[in-house]
Amino acid sequence: MHKIAEESRHRGPQYPPEANDRLKALAKDKKVSEDEERRSHDQIQKTTDKFIARVDELLKKKEQEILSF
């Protein structure tokens, strides 16, 4: 159980670094403003945090389900 949850925590957030790199490139090329870049980085981080929280929530729920048998 814990192994699957840990893999999900690492697999899910694999895209934010790629997205952050693209944002940096767009900002460097002046295709997005620094404010837009900062807001986008914040949004990516919030989404990543929500994903990890959801994985943790599902793990706790499943552990309780298993322990109730």
PDB file of N, CA and C in Angstrom:
ATOM      1  N   MET A   1       0.808  -1.183   0.000  1.00  0.00           N
ATOM      2  CA  MET A   1       0.000   0.000   0.000  1.00  0.00           C
ATOM      3  C   MET A   1       0.858   1.257   0.000  1.00  0.00           C
ATOM      4  N   HIS A   2       1.777   1.287   0.956  1.00  0.00           N
ATOM      5  CA  HIS A   2       2.630   2.474   1.069  1.00  0.00           C
ATOM      6  C   HIS A   2       3.524   2.641  -0.163  1.00  0.00           C
ATOM      7  N   LYS A   3       3.957   1.519  -0.692  1.00  0.00           N
ATOM      8  CA  LYS A   3       4.809   1.566  -1.878  1.00  0.00           C
ATOM      9  C   LYS A   3       4.056   2.177  -3.066  1.00  0.00           C
ATOM     10  N   ILE A   4       2.821   1.761  -3.255  1.00  0.00           N
ATOM     11  CA  ILE A   4       2.004   2.287  -4.357  1.00  0.00           C
ATOM     12  C   ILE A   4       1.764   3.783  -4.164  1.00  0.00           C
ATOM     13  N   ALA A   5       1.447   4.170  -2.923  1.00  0.00           N
ATOM     14  CA  ALA A   5       1.212   5.594  -2.638  1.00  0.00           C
ATOM     15  C   ALA A   5       2.484   6.408  -2.900  1.00  0.00           C
ATOM     16  N   GLU A   6       3.613   5.877  -2.476  1.00  0.00           N
ATOM     17  CA  GLU A   6       4.879   6.594  -2.677  1.00  0.00           C
ATOM     18  C   GLU A   6       5.193   6.737  -4.169  1.00  0.00           C
ATOM     19  N   GLU A   7       4.960   5.687  -4.929  1.00  0.00           N
ATOM     20  CA  GLU A   7       5.179   5.761  -6.375  1.00  0.00           C
ATOM     21  C   GLU A   7       4.264   6.805  -7.013  1.00  0.00           C
ATOM     22  N   SER A   8       3.021   6.856  -6.552  1.00  0.00           N
ATOM     23  CA  SER A   8       2.065   7.842  -7.087  1.00  0.00           C
ATOM     24  C   SER A   8       2.490   9.257  -6.742  1.00  0.00           C
ATOM     25  N   ARG A   9       3.005   9.441  -5.528  1.00  0.00           N
ATOM     26  CA  ARG A   9       3.471  10.774  -5.131  1.00  0.00           C
ATOM     27  C   ARG A   9       4.603  11.253  -6.030  1.00  0.00           C
ATOM     28  N   HIS A  10       5.444  10.329  -6.463  1.00  0.00           N
ATOM     29  CA  HIS A  10       6.581  10.705  -7.311  1.00  0.00           C
ATOM     30  C   HIS A  10       6.218  10.762  -8.789  1.00  0.00           C
ATOM     31  N   ARG A  11       5.327   9.891  -9.210  1.00  0.00           N
ATOM     32  CA  ARG A  11       4.953   9.842 -10.618  1.00  0.00           C
ATOM     33  C   ARG A  11       4.087  11.038 -11.011  1.00  0.00           C
ATOM     34  N   GLY A  12       3.147  11.410 -10.172  1.00  0.00           N
ATOM     35  CA  GLY A  12       2.240  12.513 -10.470  1.00  0.00           C
ATOM     36  C   GLY A  12       2.947  13.832 -10.690  1.00  0.00           C
ATOM     37  N   PRO A  13       3.830  14.219  -9.782  1.00  0.00           N
ATOM     38  CA  PRO A  13       4.487  15.518  -9.933  1.00  0.00           C
ATOM     39  C   PRO A  13       5.674  15.532 -10.901  1.00  0.00           C
ATOM     40  N   GLN A  14       5.785  14.558 -11.779  1.00  0.00           N
ATOM     41  CA  GLN A  14       6.923  14.550 -12.694  1.00  0.00           C
ATOM     42  C   GLN A  14       6.805  15.627 -13.775  1.00  0.00           C
ATOM     43  N   TYR A  15       5.595  16.117 -14.006  1.00  0.00           N
ATOM     44  CA  TYR A  15       5.393  17.108 -15.050  1.00  0.00           C
ATOM     45  C   TYR A  15       5.677  18.550 -14.628  1.00  0.00           C
ATOM     46  N   PRO A  16       5.505  18.920 -13.367  1.00  0.00           N
ATOM     47  CA  PRO A  16       5.777  20.316 -12.994  1.00  0.00           C
ATOM     48  C   PRO A  16       7.162  20.829 -13.372  1.00  0.00           C
ATOM     49  N   PRO A  17       8.240  20.052 -13.212  1.00  0.00           N
ATOM     50  CA  PRO A  17       9.539  20.599 -13.629  1.00  0.00           C
ATOM     51  C   PRO A  17       9.569  20.949 -15.121  1.00  0.00           C
ATOM     52  N   GLU A  18       8.945  20.112 -15.927  1.00  0.00           N
ATOM     53  CA  GLU A  18       8.869  20.377 -17.369  1.00  0.00           C
ATOM     54  C   GLU A  18       8.061  21.649 -17.632  1.00  0.00           C
ATOM     55  N   ALA A  19       6.937  21.777 -16.946  1.00  0.00           N
ATOM     56  CA  ALA A  19       6.100  22.972 -17.110  1.00  0.00           C
ATOM     57  C   ALA A  19       6.837  24.216 -16.622  1.00  0.00           C
ATOM     58  N   ASN A  20       7.531  24.095 -15.511  1.00  0.00           N
ATOM     59  CA  ASN A  20       8.290  25.234 -14.990  1.00  0.00           C
ATOM     60  C   ASN A  20       9.402  25.652 -15.956  1.00  0.00           C
ATOM     61  N   ASP A  21      10.057  24.686 -16.566  1.00  0.00           N
ATOM     62  CA  ASP A  21      11.102  24.997 -17.544  1.00  0.00           C
ATOM     63  C   ASP A  21      10.518  25.728 -18.751  1.00  0.00           C
ATOM     64  N   ARG A  22       9.355  25.278 -19.200  1.00  0.00           N
ATOM     65  CA  ARG A  22       8.701  25.950 -20.330  1.00  0.00           C
ATOM     66  C   ARG A  22       8.322  27.380 -19.967  1.00  0.00           C
ATOM     67  N   LEU A  23       7.820  27.565 -18.741  1.00  0.00           N
ATOM     68  CA  LEU A  23       7.473  28.911 -18.292  1.00  0.00           C
ATOM     69  C   LEU A  23       8.697  29.821 -18.257  1.00  0.00           C
ATOM     70  N   LYS A  24       9.793  29.284 -17.756  1.00  0.00           N
ATOM     71  CA  LYS A  24      11.028  30.077 -17.704  1.00  0.00           C
ATOM     72  C   LYS A  24      11.462  30.485 -19.109  1.00  0.00           C
ATOM     73  N   ALA A  25      11.351  29.559 -20.051  1.00  0.00           N
ATOM     74  CA  ALA A  25      11.729  29.861 -21.431  1.00  0.00           C
ATOM     75  C   ALA A  25      10.811  30.927 -22.026  1.00  0.00           C
ATOM     76  N   LEU A  26       9.517  30.811 -21.751  1.00  0.00           N
ATOM     77  CA  LEU A  26       8.573  31.816 -22.253  1.00  0.00           C
ATOM     78  C   LEU A  26       8.857  33.188 -21.646  1.00  0.00           C
ATOM     79  N   ALA A  27       9.178  33.203 -20.370  1.00  0.00           N
ATOM     80  CA  ALA A  27       9.487  34.484 -19.705  1.00  0.00           C
ATOM     81  C   ALA A  27      10.788  35.074 -20.259  1.00  0.00           C
ATOM     82  N   LYS A  28      11.736  34.205 -20.509  1.00  0.00           N
ATOM     83  CA  LYS A  28      13.022  34.664 -21.055  1.00  0.00           C
ATOM     84  C   LYS A  28      12.824  35.269 -22.442  1.00  0.00           C
ATOM     85  N   ASP A  29      11.945  34.669 -23.224  1.00  0.00           N
ATOM     86  CA  ASP A  29      11.655  35.168 -24.571  1.00  0.00           C
ATOM     87  C   ASP A  29      10.639  36.311 -24.563  1.00  0.00           C
ATOM     88  N   LYS A  30      10.239  36.723 -23.363  1.00  0.00           N
ATOM     89  CA  LYS A  30       9.280  37.833 -23.180  1.00  0.00           C
ATOM     90  C   LYS A  30       7.903  37.517 -23.764  1.00  0.00           C
ATOM     91  N   LYS A  31       7.544  36.232 -23.801  1.00  0.00           N
ATOM     92  CA  LYS A  31       6.222  35.835 -24.297  1.00  0.00           C
ATOM     93  C   LYS A  31       5.185  35.832 -23.172  1.00  0.00           C
ATOM     94  N   VAL A  32       5.661  35.804 -21.927  1.00  0.00           N
ATOM     95  CA  VAL A  32       4.794  35.981 -20.763  1.00  0.00           C
ATOM     96  C   VAL A  32       5.494  36.933 -19.804  1.00  0.00           C
ATOM     97  N   SER A  33       4.696  37.646 -19.036  1.00  0.00           N
ATOM     98  CA  SER A  33       5.282  38.589 -18.080  1.00  0.00           C
ATOM     99  C   SER A  33       5.818  37.829 -16.861  1.00  0.00           C
ATOM    100  N   GLU A  34       6.628  38.510 -16.069  1.00  0.00           N
ATOM    101  CA  GLU A  34       7.154  37.889 -14.852  1.00  0.00           C
ATOM    102  C   GLU A  34       6.020  37.559 -13.886  1.00  0.00           C
ATOM    103  N   ASP A  35       5.014  38.432 -13.844  1.00  0.00           N
ATOM    104  CA  ASP A  35       3.862  38.175 -12.975  1.00  0.00           C
ATOM    105  C   ASP A  35       3.114  36.916 -13.419  1.00  0.00           C
ATOM    106  N   GLU A  36       2.919  36.764 -14.719  1.00  0.00           N
ATOM    107  CA  GLU A  36       2.246  35.569 -15.235  1.00  0.00           C
ATOM    108  C   GLU A  36       3.068  34.321 -14.931  1.00  0.00           C
ATOM    109  N   GLU A  37       4.370  34.443 -15.084  1.00  0.00           N
ATOM    110  CA  GLU A  37       5.248  33.310 -14.795  1.00  0.00           C
ATOM    111  C   GLU A  37       5.122  32.931 -13.319  1.00  0.00           C
ATOM    112  N   ARG A  38       5.179  33.894 -12.435  1.00  0.00           N
ATOM    113  CA  ARG A  38       5.091  33.652 -11.000  1.00  0.00           C
ATOM    114  C   ARG A  38       3.743  33.031 -10.628  1.00  0.00           C
ATOM    115  N   ARG A  39       2.660  33.585 -11.180  1.00  0.00           N
ATOM    116  CA  ARG A  39       1.327  33.030 -10.905  1.00  0.00           C
ATOM    117  C   ARG A  39       1.222  31.592 -11.406  1.00  0.00           C
ATOM    118  N   SER A  40       1.784  31.335 -12.565  1.00  0.00           N
ATOM    119  CA  SER A  40       1.731  29.979 -13.131  1.00  0.00           C
ATOM    120  C   SER A  40       2.540  29.002 -12.293  1.00  0.00           C
ATOM    121  N   HIS A  41       3.716  29.429 -11.839  1.00  0.00           N
ATOM    122  CA  HIS A  41       4.518  28.572 -10.961  1.00  0.00           C
ATOM    123  C   HIS A  41       3.738  28.253  -9.682  1.00  0.00           C
ATOM    124  N   ASP A  42       3.084  29.269  -9.125  1.00  0.00           N
ATOM    125  CA  ASP A  42       2.287  29.066  -7.914  1.00  0.00           C
ATOM    126  C   ASP A  42       1.147  28.094  -8.169  1.00  0.00           C
ATOM    127  N   GLN A  43       0.483  28.221  -9.315  1.00  0.00           N
ATOM    128  CA  GLN A  43      -0.628  27.332  -9.658  1.00  0.00           C
ATOM    129  C   GLN A  43      -0.143  25.895  -9.846  1.00  0.00           C
ATOM    130  N   ILE A  44       0.988  25.731 -10.490  1.00  0.00           N
ATOM    131  CA  ILE A  44       1.565  24.390 -10.673  1.00  0.00           C
ATOM    132  C   ILE A  44       1.854  23.767  -9.316  1.00  0.00           C
ATOM    133  N   GLN A  45       2.423  24.556  -8.395  1.00  0.00           N
ATOM    134  CA  GLN A  45       2.744  24.041  -7.071  1.00  0.00           C
ATOM    135  C   GLN A  45       1.475  23.674  -6.301  1.00  0.00           C
ATOM    136  N   LYS A  46       0.453  24.507  -6.395  1.00  0.00           N
ATOM    137  CA  LYS A  46      -0.817  24.213  -5.718  1.00  0.00           C
ATOM    138  C   LYS A  46      -1.434  22.924  -6.253  1.00  0.00           C
ATOM    139  N   THR A  47      -1.392  22.753  -7.557  1.00  0.00           N
ATOM    140  CA  THR A  47      -1.945  21.548  -8.171  1.00  0.00           C
ATOM    141  C   THR A  47      -1.173  20.310  -7.719  1.00  0.00           C
ATOM    142  N   THR A  48       0.147  20.422  -7.684  1.00  0.00           N
ATOM    143  CA  THR A  48       0.991  19.319  -7.225  1.00  0.00           C
ATOM    144  C   THR A  48       0.672  18.980  -5.773  1.00  0.00           C
ATOM    145  N   ASP A  49       0.549  20.002  -4.938  1.00  0.00           N
ATOM    146  CA  ASP A  49       0.242  19.785  -3.525  1.00  0.00           C
ATOM    147  C   ASP A  49      -1.124  19.116  -3.353  1.00  0.00           C
ATOM    148  N   LYS A  50      -2.113  19.530  -4.149  1.00  0.00           N
ATOM    149  CA  LYS A  50      -3.443  18.920  -4.081  1.00  0.00           C
ATOM    150  C   LYS A  50      -3.381  17.444  -4.481  1.00  0.00           C
ATOM    151  N   PHE A  51      -2.599  17.145  -5.509  1.00  0.00           N
ATOM    152  CA  PHE A  51      -2.454  15.758  -5.966  1.00  0.00           C
ATOM    153  C   PHE A  51      -1.862  14.895  -4.858  1.00  0.00           C
ATOM    154  N   ILE A  52      -0.806  15.377  -4.237  1.00  0.00           N
ATOM    155  CA  ILE A  52      -0.144  14.619  -3.173  1.00  0.00           C
ATOM    156  C   ILE A  52      -1.079  14.456  -1.971  1.00  0.00           C
ATOM    157  N   ALA A  53      -1.820  15.509  -1.636  1.00  0.00           N
ATOM    158  CA  ALA A  53      -2.780  15.420  -0.534  1.00  0.00           C
ATOM    159  C   ALA A  53      -3.857  14.390  -0.833  1.00  0.00           C
ATOM    160  N   ARG A  54      -4.293  14.329  -2.063  1.00  0.00           N
ATOM    161  CA  ARG A  54      -5.324  13.356  -2.457  1.00  0.00           C
ATOM    162  C   ARG A  54      -4.787  11.927  -2.347  1.00  0.00           C
ATOM    163  N   VAL A  55      -3.552  11.714  -2.759  1.00  0.00           N
ATOM    164  CA  VAL A  55      -2.929  10.391  -2.628  1.00  0.00           C
ATOM    165  C   VAL A  55      -2.868  10.002  -1.152  1.00  0.00           C
ATOM    166  N   ASP A  56      -2.453  10.936  -0.295  1.00  0.00           N
ATOM    167  CA  ASP A  56      -2.382  10.659   1.139  1.00  0.00           C
ATOM    168  C   ASP A  56      -3.760  10.349   1.716  1.00  0.00           C
ATOM    169  N   GLU A  57      -4.761  11.104   1.277  1.00  0.00           N
ATOM    170  CA  GLU A  57      -6.131  10.892   1.736  1.00  0.00           C
ATOM    171  C   GLU A  57      -6.627   9.501   1.343  1.00  0.00           C
ATOM    172  N   LEU A  58      -6.381   9.112   0.109  1.00  0.00           N
ATOM    173  CA  LEU A  58      -6.808   7.787  -0.359  1.00  0.00           C
ATOM    174  C   LEU A  58      -6.074   6.668   0.386  1.00  0.00           C
ATOM    175  N   LEU A  59      -4.793   6.887   0.677  1.00  0.00           N
ATOM    176  CA  LEU A  59      -4.024   5.892   1.415  1.00  0.00           C
ATOM    177  C   LEU A  59      -4.612   5.703   2.814  1.00  0.00           C
ATOM    178  N   LYS A  60      -4.902   6.793   3.497  1.00  0.00           N
ATOM    179  CA  LYS A  60      -5.479   6.693   4.845  1.00  0.00           C
ATOM    180  C   LYS A  60      -6.827   5.975   4.812  1.00  0.00           C
ATOM    181  N   LYS A  61      -7.639   6.326   3.828  1.00  0.00           N
ATOM    182  CA  LYS A  61      -8.962   5.717   3.694  1.00  0.00           C
ATOM    183  C   LYS A  61      -8.827   4.207   3.461  1.00  0.00           C
ATOM    184  N   LYS A  62      -7.901   3.822   2.609  1.00  0.00           N
ATOM    185  CA  LYS A  62      -7.712   2.403   2.292  1.00  0.00           C
ATOM    186  C   LYS A  62      -7.157   1.652   3.502  1.00  0.00           C
ATOM    187  N   GLU A  63      -6.238   2.288   4.243  1.00  0.00           N
ATOM    188  CA  GLU A  63      -5.694   1.653   5.445  1.00  0.00           C
ATOM    189  C   GLU A  63      -6.801   1.404   6.469  1.00  0.00           C
ATOM    190  N   GLN A  64      -7.672   2.396   6.642  1.00  0.00           N
ATOM    191  CA  GLN A  64      -8.785   2.233   7.578  1.00  0.00           C
ATOM    192  C   GLN A  64      -9.722   1.121   7.126  1.00  0.00           C
ATOM    193  N   GLU A  65      -9.949   1.060   5.830  1.00  0.00           N
ATOM    194  CA  GLU A  65     -10.818   0.023   5.274  1.00  0.00           C
ATOM    195  C   GLU A  65     -10.234  -1.364   5.542  1.00  0.00           C
ATOM    196  N   ILE A  66      -8.947  -1.490   5.335  1.00  0.00           N
ATOM    197  CA  ILE A  66      -8.279  -2.786   5.532  1.00  0.00           C
ATOM    198  C   ILE A  66      -8.270  -3.165   7.010  1.00  0.00           C
ATOM    199  N   LEU A  67      -8.002  -2.197   7.872  1.00  0.00           N
ATOM    200  CA  LEU A  67      -7.938  -2.475   9.302  1.00  0.00           C
ATOM    201  C   LEU A  67      -9.300  -2.770   9.910  1.00  0.00           C
ATOM    202  N   SER A  68     -10.356  -2.379   9.251  1.00  0.00           N
ATOM    203  CA  SER A  68     -11.697  -2.610   9.799  1.00  0.00           C
ATOM    204  C   SER A  68     -12.180  -4.048   9.573  1.00  0.00           C
ATOM    205  N   PHE A  69     -11.453  -4.830   8.808  1.00  0.00           N
ATOM    206  CA  PHE A  69     -11.863  -6.227   8.555  1.00  0.00           C
ATOM    207  C   PHE A  69     -11.542  -7.093   9.711  1.00  0.00           C
TER     208      PHE A  69
END
